[in-house]
Amino acid sequence: MGLISLLWGIVAMVLMILALIPLLGAANWLVIPFAAVGAIIAAVGILFTRAENRGRAKAGLVLNGIVIIVGIVRLSLGGGVF
């Protein structure tokens, strides 16, 4: 679960960077739910993994959290249409 959430977070981060380009801001409406699913996968990975093997899941949770926060900030600044 940790590796899946980490890879999911990397893909979400790449999509978020693309959504920062002008005229592509509406992609944040898709990136935020995508990252939310990754965060849920990471949370499940943290719950069901031993303490010494939680690094990847924690990194995935952080990456997906950053994507969600940046996406919400971008949408709140009026970047959701263009």
PDB file of N, CA and C in Angstrom:
ATOM      1  N   MET A   1       0.816  -1.193   0.000  1.00  0.00           N
ATOM      2  CA  MET A   1       0.000   0.000   0.000  1.00  0.00           C
ATOM      3  C   MET A   1       0.859   1.256   0.000  1.00  0.00           C
ATOM      4  N   GLY A   2       1.999   1.180   0.683  1.00  0.00           N
ATOM      5  CA  GLY A   2       2.865   2.350   0.762  1.00  0.00           C
ATOM      6  C   GLY A   2       3.423   2.740  -0.590  1.00  0.00           C
ATOM      7  N   LEU A   3       3.873   1.746  -1.359  1.00  0.00           N
ATOM      8  CA  LEU A   3       4.428   2.030  -2.675  1.00  0.00           C
ATOM      9  C   LEU A   3       3.354   2.569  -3.619  1.00  0.00           C
ATOM     10  N   ILE A   4       2.171   2.005  -3.537  1.00  0.00           N
ATOM     11  CA  ILE A   4       1.069   2.477  -4.389  1.00  0.00           C
ATOM     12  C   ILE A   4       0.733   3.932  -4.062  1.00  0.00           C
ATOM     13  N   SER A   5       0.657   4.263  -2.790  1.00  0.00           N
ATOM     14  CA  SER A   5       0.314   5.636  -2.412  1.00  0.00           C
ATOM     15  C   SER A   5       1.423   6.610  -2.801  1.00  0.00           C
ATOM     16  N   LEU A   6       2.673   6.165  -2.707  1.00  0.00           N
ATOM     17  CA  LEU A   6       3.786   7.019  -3.105  1.00  0.00           C
ATOM     18  C   LEU A   6       3.750   7.290  -4.610  1.00  0.00           C
ATOM     19  N   LEU A   7       3.539   6.249  -5.399  1.00  0.00           N
ATOM     20  CA  LEU A   7       3.441   6.433  -6.853  1.00  0.00           C
ATOM     21  C   LEU A   7       2.222   7.273  -7.223  1.00  0.00           C
ATOM     22  N   TRP A   8       1.122   7.056  -6.521  1.00  0.00           N
ATOM     23  CA  TRP A   8      -0.098   7.833  -6.742  1.00  0.00           C
ATOM     24  C   TRP A   8       0.171   9.309  -6.451  1.00  0.00           C
ATOM     25  N   GLY A   9       0.927   9.578  -5.384  1.00  0.00           N
ATOM     26  CA  GLY A   9       1.276  10.950  -5.028  1.00  0.00           C
ATOM     27  C   GLY A   9       2.175  11.599  -6.061  1.00  0.00           C
ATOM     28  N   ILE A  10       3.105  10.829  -6.629  1.00  0.00           N
ATOM     29  CA  ILE A  10       3.985  11.370  -7.665  1.00  0.00           C
ATOM     30  C   ILE A  10       3.187  11.720  -8.908  1.00  0.00           C
ATOM     31  N   VAL A  11       2.273  10.846  -9.308  1.00  0.00           N
ATOM     32  CA  VAL A  11       1.424  11.131 -10.474  1.00  0.00           C
ATOM     33  C   VAL A  11       0.543  12.342 -10.204  1.00  0.00           C
ATOM     34  N   ALA A  12      -0.011  12.427  -8.995  1.00  0.00           N
ATOM     35  CA  ALA A  12      -0.846  13.573  -8.641  1.00  0.00           C
ATOM     36  C   ALA A  12      -0.041  14.862  -8.663  1.00  0.00           C
ATOM     37  N   MET A  13       1.221  14.803  -8.216  1.00  0.00           N
ATOM     38  CA  MET A  13       2.074  15.991  -8.216  1.00  0.00           C
ATOM     39  C   MET A  13       2.369  16.450  -9.644  1.00  0.00           C
ATOM     40  N   VAL A  14       2.628  15.517 -10.533  1.00  0.00           N
ATOM     41  CA  VAL A  14       2.870  15.875 -11.936  1.00  0.00           C
ATOM     42  C   VAL A  14       1.619  16.504 -12.551  1.00  0.00           C
ATOM     43  N   LEU A  15       0.461  15.911 -12.281  1.00  0.00           N
ATOM     44  CA  LEU A  15      -0.789  16.479 -12.798  1.00  0.00           C
ATOM     45  C   LEU A  15      -1.066  17.855 -12.208  1.00  0.00           C
ATOM     46  N   MET A  16      -0.727  18.046 -10.934  1.00  0.00           N
ATOM     47  CA  MET A  16      -0.932  19.341 -10.296  1.00  0.00           C
ATOM     48  C   MET A  16      -0.034  20.400 -10.913  1.00  0.00           C
ATOM     49  N   ILE A  17       1.206  20.028 -11.229  1.00  0.00           N
ATOM     50  CA  ILE A  17       2.115  20.977 -11.868  1.00  0.00           C
ATOM     51  C   ILE A  17       1.580  21.371 -13.242  1.00  0.00           C
ATOM     52  N   LEU A  18       1.031  20.413 -13.975  1.00  0.00           N
ATOM     53  CA  LEU A  18       0.422  20.733 -15.267  1.00  0.00           C
ATOM     54  C   LEU A  18      -0.798  21.632 -15.090  1.00  0.00           C
ATOM     55  N   ALA A  19      -1.546  21.439 -14.001  1.00  0.00           N
ATOM     56  CA  ALA A  19      -2.735  22.243 -13.751  1.00  0.00           C
ATOM     57  C   ALA A  19      -2.394  23.670 -13.342  1.00  0.00           C
ATOM     58  N   LEU A  20      -1.132  23.933 -12.994  1.00  0.00           N
ATOM     59  CA  LEU A  20      -0.725  25.293 -12.654  1.00  0.00           C
ATOM     60  C   LEU A  20      -0.500  26.154 -13.890  1.00  0.00           C
ATOM     61  N   ILE A  21      -0.416  25.533 -15.051  1.00  0.00           N
ATOM     62  CA  ILE A  21      -0.232  26.266 -16.302  1.00  0.00           C
ATOM     63  C   ILE A  21      -1.510  27.049 -16.594  1.00  0.00           C
ATOM     64  N   PRO A  22      -1.379  28.306 -17.003  1.00  0.00           N
ATOM     65  CA  PRO A  22      -2.575  29.075 -17.340  1.00  0.00           C
ATOM     66  C   PRO A  22      -3.416  28.363 -18.404  1.00  0.00           C
ATOM     67  N   LEU A  23      -4.702  28.495 -18.301  1.00  0.00           N
ATOM     68  CA  LEU A  23      -5.718  27.869 -19.144  1.00  0.00           C
ATOM     69  C   LEU A  23      -5.899  26.372 -18.862  1.00  0.00           C
ATOM     70  N   LEU A  24      -5.172  25.822 -17.923  1.00  0.00           N
ATOM     71  CA  LEU A  24      -5.357  24.432 -17.524  1.00  0.00           C
ATOM     72  C   LEU A  24      -5.778  24.315 -16.059  1.00  0.00           C
ATOM     73  N   GLY A  25      -6.182  25.421 -15.460  1.00  0.00           N
ATOM     74  CA  GLY A  25      -6.550  25.445 -14.050  1.00  0.00           C
ATOM     75  C   GLY A  25      -7.768  24.609 -13.720  1.00  0.00           C
ATOM     76  N   ALA A  26      -8.629  24.370 -14.694  1.00  0.00           N
ATOM     77  CA  ALA A  26      -9.817  23.559 -14.444  1.00  0.00           C
ATOM     78  C   ALA A  26      -9.451  22.109 -14.167  1.00  0.00           C
ATOM     79  N   ALA A  27      -8.246  21.705 -14.510  1.00  0.00           N
ATOM     80  CA  ALA A  27      -7.801  20.334 -14.225  1.00  0.00           C
ATOM     81  C   ALA A  27      -7.696  20.082 -12.735  1.00  0.00           C
ATOM     82  N   ASN A  28      -7.632  21.143 -11.923  1.00  0.00           N
ATOM     83  CA  ASN A  28      -7.588  20.966 -10.472  1.00  0.00           C
ATOM     84  C   ASN A  28      -8.851  20.303  -9.947  1.00  0.00           C
ATOM     85  N   TRP A  29      -9.959  20.479 -10.652  1.00  0.00           N
ATOM     86  CA  TRP A  29     -11.197  19.817 -10.247  1.00  0.00           C
ATOM     87  C   TRP A  29     -11.062  18.300 -10.350  1.00  0.00           C
ATOM     88  N   LEU A  30     -10.159  17.819 -11.182  1.00  0.00           N
ATOM     89  CA  LEU A  30      -9.917  16.388 -11.291  1.00  0.00           C
ATOM     90  C   LEU A  30      -8.741  15.936 -10.427  1.00  0.00           C
ATOM     91  N   VAL A  31      -7.766  16.806 -10.250  1.00  0.00           N
ATOM     92  CA  VAL A  31      -6.565  16.451  -9.507  1.00  0.00           C
ATOM     93  C   VAL A  31      -6.848  16.316  -8.015  1.00  0.00           C
ATOM     94  N   ILE A  32      -7.696  17.167  -7.467  1.00  0.00           N
ATOM     95  CA  ILE A  32      -7.981  17.125  -6.030  1.00  0.00           C
ATOM     96  C   ILE A  32      -8.643  15.798  -5.625  1.00  0.00           C
ATOM     97  N   PRO A  33      -9.681  15.329  -6.317  1.00  0.00           N
ATOM     98  CA  PRO A  33     -10.229  14.016  -5.940  1.00  0.00           C
ATOM     99  C   PRO A  33      -9.247  12.870  -6.188  1.00  0.00           C
ATOM    100  N   PHE A  34      -8.424  12.992  -7.226  1.00  0.00           N
ATOM    101  CA  PHE A  34      -7.405  11.978  -7.507  1.00  0.00           C
ATOM    102  C   PHE A  34      -6.431  11.877  -6.334  1.00  0.00           C
ATOM    103  N   ALA A  35      -5.989  13.026  -5.833  1.00  0.00           N
ATOM    104  CA  ALA A  35      -5.070  13.046  -4.696  1.00  0.00           C
ATOM    105  C   ALA A  35      -5.765  12.587  -3.417  1.00  0.00           C
ATOM    106  N   ALA A  36      -7.054  12.852  -3.293  1.00  0.00           N
ATOM    107  CA  ALA A  36      -7.792  12.404  -2.110  1.00  0.00           C
ATOM    108  C   ALA A  36      -7.835  10.875  -2.049  1.00  0.00           C
ATOM    109  N   VAL A  37      -8.011  10.241  -3.190  1.00  0.00           N
ATOM    110  CA  VAL A  37      -7.990   8.778  -3.234  1.00  0.00           C
ATOM    111  C   VAL A  37      -6.600   8.272  -2.837  1.00  0.00           C
ATOM    112  N   GLY A  38      -5.561   8.945  -3.316  1.00  0.00           N
ATOM    113  CA  GLY A  38      -4.202   8.577  -2.926  1.00  0.00           C
ATOM    114  C   GLY A  38      -3.969   8.735  -1.435  1.00  0.00           C
ATOM    115  N   ALA A  39      -4.540   9.782  -0.852  1.00  0.00           N
ATOM    116  CA  ALA A  39      -4.399   9.990   0.596  1.00  0.00           C
ATOM    117  C   ALA A  39      -5.127   8.894   1.372  1.00  0.00           C
ATOM    118  N   ILE A  40      -6.261   8.459   0.873  1.00  0.00           N
ATOM    119  CA  ILE A  40      -6.991   7.365   1.533  1.00  0.00           C
ATOM    120  C   ILE A  40      -6.185   6.074   1.448  1.00  0.00           C
ATOM    121  N   ILE A  41      -5.586   5.807   0.300  1.00  0.00           N
ATOM    122  CA  ILE A  41      -4.745   4.620   0.157  1.00  0.00           C
ATOM    123  C   ILE A  41      -3.564   4.694   1.119  1.00  0.00           C
ATOM    124  N   ALA A  42      -2.967   5.875   1.255  1.00  0.00           N
ATOM    125  CA  ALA A  42      -1.842   6.050   2.172  1.00  0.00           C
ATOM    126  C   ALA A  42      -2.278   5.836   3.620  1.00  0.00           C
ATOM    127  N   ALA A  43      -3.447   6.340   3.969  1.00  0.00           N
ATOM    128  CA  ALA A  43      -3.936   6.164   5.344  1.00  0.00           C
ATOM    129  C   ALA A  43      -4.174   4.686   5.651  1.00  0.00           C
ATOM    130  N   VAL A  44      -4.714   3.975   4.687  1.00  0.00           N
ATOM    131  CA  VAL A  44      -4.915   2.535   4.879  1.00  0.00           C
ATOM    132  C   VAL A  44      -3.565   1.835   4.992  1.00  0.00           C
ATOM    133  N   GLY A  45      -2.607   2.278   4.190  1.00  0.00           N
ATOM    134  CA  GLY A  45      -1.270   1.707   4.279  1.00  0.00           C
ATOM    135  C   GLY A  45      -0.622   1.956   5.623  1.00  0.00           C
ATOM    136  N   ILE A  46      -0.838   3.129   6.184  1.00  0.00           N
ATOM    137  CA  ILE A  46      -0.284   3.434   7.512  1.00  0.00           C
ATOM    138  C   ILE A  46      -0.953   2.575   8.585  1.00  0.00           C
ATOM    139  N   LEU A  47      -2.251   2.376   8.445  1.00  0.00           N
ATOM    140  CA  LEU A  47      -2.979   1.593   9.450  1.00  0.00           C
ATOM    141  C   LEU A  47      -2.566   0.126   9.477  1.00  0.00           C
ATOM    142  N   PHE A  48      -2.329  -0.451   8.305  1.00  0.00           N
ATOM    143  CA  PHE A  48      -2.116  -1.889   8.225  1.00  0.00           C
ATOM    144  C   PHE A  48      -0.664  -2.292   7.981  1.00  0.00           C
ATOM    145  N   THR A  49       0.268  -1.385   8.216  1.00  0.00           N
ATOM    146  CA  THR A  49       1.681  -1.685   8.033  1.00  0.00           C
ATOM    147  C   THR A  49       2.394  -1.570   9.376  1.00  0.00           C
ATOM    148  N   ARG A  50       3.411  -2.382   9.546  1.00  0.00           N
ATOM    149  CA  ARG A  50       4.193  -2.301  10.781  1.00  0.00           C
ATOM    150  C   ARG A  50       4.889  -0.950  10.866  1.00  0.00           C
ATOM    151  N   ALA A  51       5.225  -0.542  12.059  1.00  0.00           N
ATOM    152  CA  ALA A  51       5.768   0.805  12.310  1.00  0.00           C
ATOM    153  C   ALA A  51       7.065   1.062  11.552  1.00  0.00           C
ATOM    154  N   GLU A  52       7.905   0.064  11.384  1.00  0.00           N
ATOM    155  CA  GLU A  52       9.175   0.285  10.707  1.00  0.00           C
ATOM    156  C   GLU A  52       9.055   0.329   9.186  1.00  0.00           C
ATOM    157  N   ASN A  53       7.900  -0.011   8.641  1.00  0.00           N
ATOM    158  CA  ASN A  53       7.709  -0.025   7.188  1.00  0.00           C
ATOM    159  C   ASN A  53       6.712   1.021   6.703  1.00  0.00           C
ATOM    160  N   ARG A  54       6.462   2.034   7.476  1.00  0.00           N
ATOM    161  CA  ARG A  54       5.451   3.028   7.118  1.00  0.00           C
ATOM    162  C   ARG A  54       5.997   4.217   6.347  1.00  0.00           C
ATOM    163  N   GLY A  55       7.258   4.246   6.022  1.00  0.00           N
ATOM    164  CA  GLY A  55       7.879   5.406   5.389  1.00  0.00           C
ATOM    165  C   GLY A  55       7.264   5.779   4.046  1.00  0.00           C
ATOM    166  N   ARG A  56       7.055   4.790   3.203  1.00  0.00           N
ATOM    167  CA  ARG A  56       6.487   5.071   1.877  1.00  0.00           C
ATOM    168  C   ARG A  56       5.047   5.572   1.982  1.00  0.00           C
ATOM    169  N   ALA A  57       4.286   4.967   2.875  1.00  0.00           N
ATOM    170  CA  ALA A  57       2.901   5.397   3.045  1.00  0.00           C
ATOM    171  C   ALA A  57       2.842   6.821   3.589  1.00  0.00           C
ATOM    172  N   LYS A  58       3.736   7.154   4.511  1.00  0.00           N
ATOM    173  CA  LYS A  58       3.764   8.516   5.046  1.00  0.00           C
ATOM    174  C   LYS A  58       4.172   9.513   3.972  1.00  0.00           C
ATOM    175  N   ALA A  59       5.145   9.133   3.148  1.00  0.00           N
ATOM    176  CA  ALA A  59       5.562  10.013   2.060  1.00  0.00           C
ATOM    177  C   ALA A  59       4.430  10.207   1.055  1.00  0.00           C
ATOM    178  N   GLY A  60       3.689   9.149   0.760  1.00  0.00           N
ATOM    179  CA  GLY A  60       2.537   9.264  -0.125  1.00  0.00           C
ATOM    180  C   GLY A  60       1.455  10.151   0.454  1.00  0.00           C
ATOM    181  N   LEU A  61       1.245  10.046   1.764  1.00  0.00           N
ATOM    182  CA  LEU A  61       0.251  10.895   2.421  1.00  0.00           C
ATOM    183  C   LEU A  61       0.664  12.359   2.358  1.00  0.00           C
ATOM    184  N   VAL A  62       1.937  12.633   2.563  1.00  0.00           N
ATOM    185  CA  VAL A  62       2.425  14.012   2.501  1.00  0.00           C
ATOM    186  C   VAL A  62       2.308  14.566   1.082  1.00  0.00           C
ATOM    187  N   LEU A  63       2.720  13.786   0.084  1.00  0.00           N
ATOM    188  CA  LEU A  63       2.629  14.250  -1.307  1.00  0.00           C
ATOM    189  C   LEU A  63       1.188  14.536  -1.705  1.00  0.00           C
ATOM    190  N   ASN A  64       0.304  13.614  -1.387  1.00  0.00           N
ATOM    191  CA  ASN A  64      -1.103  13.824  -1.733  1.00  0.00           C
ATOM    192  C   ASN A  64      -1.693  14.992  -0.967  1.00  0.00           C
ATOM    193  N   GLY A  65      -1.287  15.180   0.274  1.00  0.00           N
ATOM    194  CA  GLY A  65      -1.755  16.331   1.044  1.00  0.00           C
ATOM    195  C   GLY A  65      -1.298  17.647   0.447  1.00  0.00           C
ATOM    196  N   ILE A  66      -0.048  17.696  -0.002  1.00  0.00           N
ATOM    197  CA  ILE A  66       0.456  18.909  -0.646  1.00  0.00           C
ATOM    198  C   ILE A  66      -0.319  19.204  -1.916  1.00  0.00           C
ATOM    199  N   VAL A  67      -0.594  18.177  -2.703  1.00  0.00           N
ATOM    200  CA  VAL A  67      -1.355  18.368  -3.945  1.00  0.00           C
ATOM    201  C   VAL A  67      -2.753  18.891  -3.643  1.00  0.00           C
ATOM    202  N   ILE A  68      -3.395  18.348  -2.639  1.00  0.00           N
ATOM    203  CA  ILE A  68      -4.743  18.798  -2.283  1.00  0.00           C
ATOM    204  C   ILE A  68      -4.712  20.260  -1.844  1.00  0.00           C
ATOM    205  N   ILE A  69      -3.762  20.629  -1.005  1.00  0.00           N
ATOM    206  CA  ILE A  69      -3.693  22.003  -0.508  1.00  0.00           C
ATOM    207  C   ILE A  69      -3.400  22.982  -1.636  1.00  0.00           C
ATOM    208  N   VAL A  70      -2.418  22.659  -2.482  1.00  0.00           N
ATOM    209  CA  VAL A  70      -2.084  23.560  -3.592  1.00  0.00           C
ATOM    210  C   VAL A  70      -3.250  23.666  -4.569  1.00  0.00           C
ATOM    211  N   GLY A  71      -3.934  22.557  -4.828  1.00  0.00           N
ATOM    212  CA  GLY A  71      -5.090  22.592  -5.728  1.00  0.00           C
ATOM    213  C   GLY A  71      -6.218  23.457  -5.183  1.00  0.00           C
ATOM    214  N   ILE A  72      -6.483  23.346  -3.888  1.00  0.00           N
ATOM    215  CA  ILE A  72      -7.538  24.161  -3.286  1.00  0.00           C
ATOM    216  C   ILE A  72      -7.153  25.635  -3.312  1.00  0.00           C
ATOM    217  N   VAL A  73      -5.895  25.944  -3.026  1.00  0.00           N
ATOM    218  CA  VAL A  73      -5.443  27.339  -3.069  1.00  0.00           C
ATOM    219  C   VAL A  73      -5.571  27.876  -4.491  1.00  0.00           C
ATOM    220  N   ARG A  74      -5.184  27.085  -5.475  1.00  0.00           N
ATOM    221  CA  ARG A  74      -5.271  27.510  -6.874  1.00  0.00           C
ATOM    222  C   ARG A  74      -6.721  27.780  -7.276  1.00  0.00           C
ATOM    223  N   LEU A  75      -7.621  26.908  -6.850  1.00  0.00           N
ATOM    224  CA  LEU A  75      -9.035  27.111  -7.173  1.00  0.00           C
ATOM    225  C   LEU A  75      -9.604  28.325  -6.435  1.00  0.00           C
ATOM    226  N   SER A  76      -9.159  28.556  -5.205  1.00  0.00           N
ATOM    227  CA  SER A  76      -9.681  29.689  -4.445  1.00  0.00           C
ATOM    228  C   SER A  76      -9.182  31.024  -4.998  1.00  0.00           C
ATOM    229  N   LEU A  77      -8.068  31.006  -5.706  1.00  0.00           N
ATOM    230  CA  LEU A  77      -7.562  32.235  -6.320  1.00  0.00           C
ATOM    231  C   LEU A  77      -8.239  32.522  -7.660  1.00  0.00           C
ATOM    232  N   GLY A  78      -9.201  31.731  -8.031  1.00  0.00           N
ATOM    233  CA  GLY A  78      -9.920  31.974  -9.271  1.00  0.00           C
ATOM    234  C   GLY A  78      -9.340  31.244 -10.456  1.00  0.00           C
ATOM    235  N   GLY A  79      -8.555  30.237 -10.198  1.00  0.00           N
ATOM    236  CA  GLY A  79      -7.947  29.501 -11.298  1.00  0.00           C
ATOM    237  C   GLY A  79      -8.746  28.304 -11.730  1.00  0.00           C
ATOM    238  N   GLY A  80      -9.973  28.194 -11.299  1.00  0.00           N
ATOM    239  CA  GLY A  80     -10.757  27.012 -11.620  1.00  0.00           C
ATOM    240  C   GLY A  80     -11.404  27.042 -12.974  1.00  0.00           C
ATOM    241  N   VAL A  81     -11.514  28.218 -13.561  1.00  0.00           N
ATOM    242  CA  VAL A  81     -12.137  28.315 -14.872  1.00  0.00           C
ATOM    243  C   VAL A  81     -11.064  28.328 -15.952  1.00  0.00           C
ATOM    244  N   PHE A  82     -10.023  29.126 -15.732  1.00  0.00           N
ATOM    245  CA  PHE A  82      -8.960  29.210 -16.725  1.00  0.00           C
ATOM    246  C   PHE A  82      -7.610  29.041 -16.077  1.00  0.00           C
TER     247      PHE A  82
END
